[in-house]
Amino acid sequence: MAHDIQANLIPSHLPAPPGWEVAAFWRSAQEVAGDFYDFIEVAPHRLGIVIADVAGKGMPAALYM
């Protein structure tokens, strides 16, 4: 169940800013992962990228991430 929650939090569509090619891949090493990424449009023509990891901190930390 935790894996499904995490998988649904990962972006399903990647941004396509002009002049850039964006690619991402997420796969948990175990049932749950502490890895997270997201893309946030902070202003027109400005893209924020979030990359985070809480490896080894257990399921509560992985779900919080």
C-alpha atoms as a PDB file:
ATOM      1  CA  MET A   1       0.000   0.000   0.000  1.00  0.00           C
ATOM      2  CA  ALA A   2       2.842   2.410   0.852  1.00  0.00           C
ATOM      3  CA  HIS A   3       4.466   1.727  -2.537  1.00  0.00           C
ATOM      4  CA  ASP A   4       1.237   2.639  -4.345  1.00  0.00           C
ATOM      5  CA  ILE A   5       0.921   5.876  -2.347  1.00  0.00           C
ATOM      6  CA  GLN A   6       4.482   6.848  -3.233  1.00  0.00           C
ATOM      7  CA  ALA A   7       4.089   5.945  -6.902  1.00  0.00           C
ATOM      8  CA  ASN A   8       1.010   8.179  -7.130  1.00  0.00           C
ATOM      9  CA  LEU A   9       2.919  11.150  -5.701  1.00  0.00           C
ATOM     10  CA  ILE A  10       5.566  11.051  -8.438  1.00  0.00           C
ATOM     11  CA  PRO A  11       4.644  13.320 -11.397  1.00  0.00           C
ATOM     12  CA  SER A  12       2.966  11.422 -14.213  1.00  0.00           C
ATOM     13  CA  HIS A  13       3.661  14.186 -16.758  1.00  0.00           C
ATOM     14  CA  LEU A  14       6.990  15.917 -17.230  1.00  0.00           C
ATOM     15  CA  PRO A  15       7.320  19.572 -18.122  1.00  0.00           C
ATOM     16  CA  ALA A  16       8.460  20.509 -21.620  1.00  0.00           C
ATOM     17  CA  PRO A  17      10.105  23.924 -21.379  1.00  0.00           C
ATOM     18  CA  PRO A  18      11.232  25.366 -24.727  1.00  0.00           C
ATOM     19  CA  GLY A  19      14.797  24.375 -25.524  1.00  0.00           C
ATOM     20  CA  TRP A  20      14.957  21.664 -22.851  1.00  0.00           C
ATOM     21  CA  GLU A  21      14.360  17.933 -22.758  1.00  0.00           C
ATOM     22  CA  VAL A  22      13.294  16.635 -19.351  1.00  0.00           C
ATOM     23  CA  ALA A  23      13.441  12.957 -18.406  1.00  0.00           C
ATOM     24  CA  ALA A  24      12.939  11.153 -15.106  1.00  0.00           C
ATOM     25  CA  PHE A  25      12.693   7.589 -13.842  1.00  0.00           C
ATOM     26  CA  TRP A  26      11.577   6.349 -10.416  1.00  0.00           C
ATOM     27  CA  ARG A  27      11.754   2.798  -9.128  1.00  0.00           C
ATOM     28  CA  SER A  28      11.921   1.798  -5.494  1.00  0.00           C
ATOM     29  CA  ALA A  29      14.727  -0.584  -4.498  1.00  0.00           C
ATOM     30  CA  GLN A  30      12.441  -2.201  -1.940  1.00  0.00           C
ATOM     31  CA  GLU A  31       8.713  -2.019  -1.231  1.00  0.00           C
ATOM     32  CA  VAL A  32       8.991   1.635  -0.247  1.00  0.00           C
ATOM     33  CA  ALA A  33      11.542   4.241  -1.255  1.00  0.00           C
ATOM     34  CA  GLY A  34      12.757   7.472   0.249  1.00  0.00           C
ATOM     35  CA  ASP A  35      13.284   9.119  -3.123  1.00  0.00           C
ATOM     36  CA  PHE A  36      11.095  11.899  -4.419  1.00  0.00           C
ATOM     37  CA  TYR A  37      11.159  14.398  -7.260  1.00  0.00           C
ATOM     38  CA  ASP A  38       8.792  17.004  -8.607  1.00  0.00           C
ATOM     39  CA  PHE A  39       8.678  19.923 -11.007  1.00  0.00           C
ATOM     40  CA  ILE A  40       7.060  23.201  -9.999  1.00  0.00           C
ATOM     41  CA  GLU A  41       6.418  26.165 -12.260  1.00  0.00           C
ATOM     42  CA  VAL A  42       7.492  29.050 -10.002  1.00  0.00           C
ATOM     43  CA  ALA A  43       6.838  31.783 -12.576  1.00  0.00           C
ATOM     44  CA  PRO A  44       6.312  32.014 -16.323  1.00  0.00           C
ATOM     45  CA  HIS A  45       9.422  30.543 -17.962  1.00  0.00           C
ATOM     46  CA  ARG A  46      10.872  29.492 -14.562  1.00  0.00           C
ATOM     47  CA  LEU A  47      10.840  25.861 -13.478  1.00  0.00           C
ATOM     48  CA  GLY A  48      11.697  24.619 -10.003  1.00  0.00           C
ATOM     49  CA  ILE A  49      13.046  21.092  -9.613  1.00  0.00           C
ATOM     50  CA  VAL A  50      12.800  19.232  -6.302  1.00  0.00           C
ATOM     51  CA  ILE A  51      14.946  16.156  -5.623  1.00  0.00           C
ATOM     52  CA  ALA A  52      14.925  14.538  -2.182  1.00  0.00           C
ATOM     53  CA  ASP A  53      16.010  11.333  -0.472  1.00  0.00           C
ATOM     54  CA  VAL A  54      15.424   9.912   3.017  1.00  0.00           C
ATOM     55  CA  ALA A  55      17.112   6.530   2.458  1.00  0.00           C
ATOM     56  CA  GLY A  56      17.351   4.239   5.448  1.00  0.00           C
ATOM     57  CA  LYS A  57      14.913   6.126   7.687  1.00  0.00           C
ATOM     58  CA  GLY A  58      12.053   3.617   7.559  1.00  0.00           C
ATOM     59  CA  MET A  59       8.526   3.582   6.196  1.00  0.00           C
ATOM     60  CA  PRO A  60       7.194   6.621   8.109  1.00  0.00           C
ATOM     61  CA  ALA A  61       9.957   8.832   6.699  1.00  0.00           C
ATOM     62  CA  ALA A  62       9.508   7.398   3.204  1.00  0.00           C
ATOM     63  CA  LEU A  63       5.777   8.141   3.275  1.00  0.00           C
ATOM     64  CA  TYR A  64       6.365  11.605   4.706  1.00  0.00           C
ATOM     65  CA  MET A  65       8.865  12.294   1.921  1.00  0.00           C
END
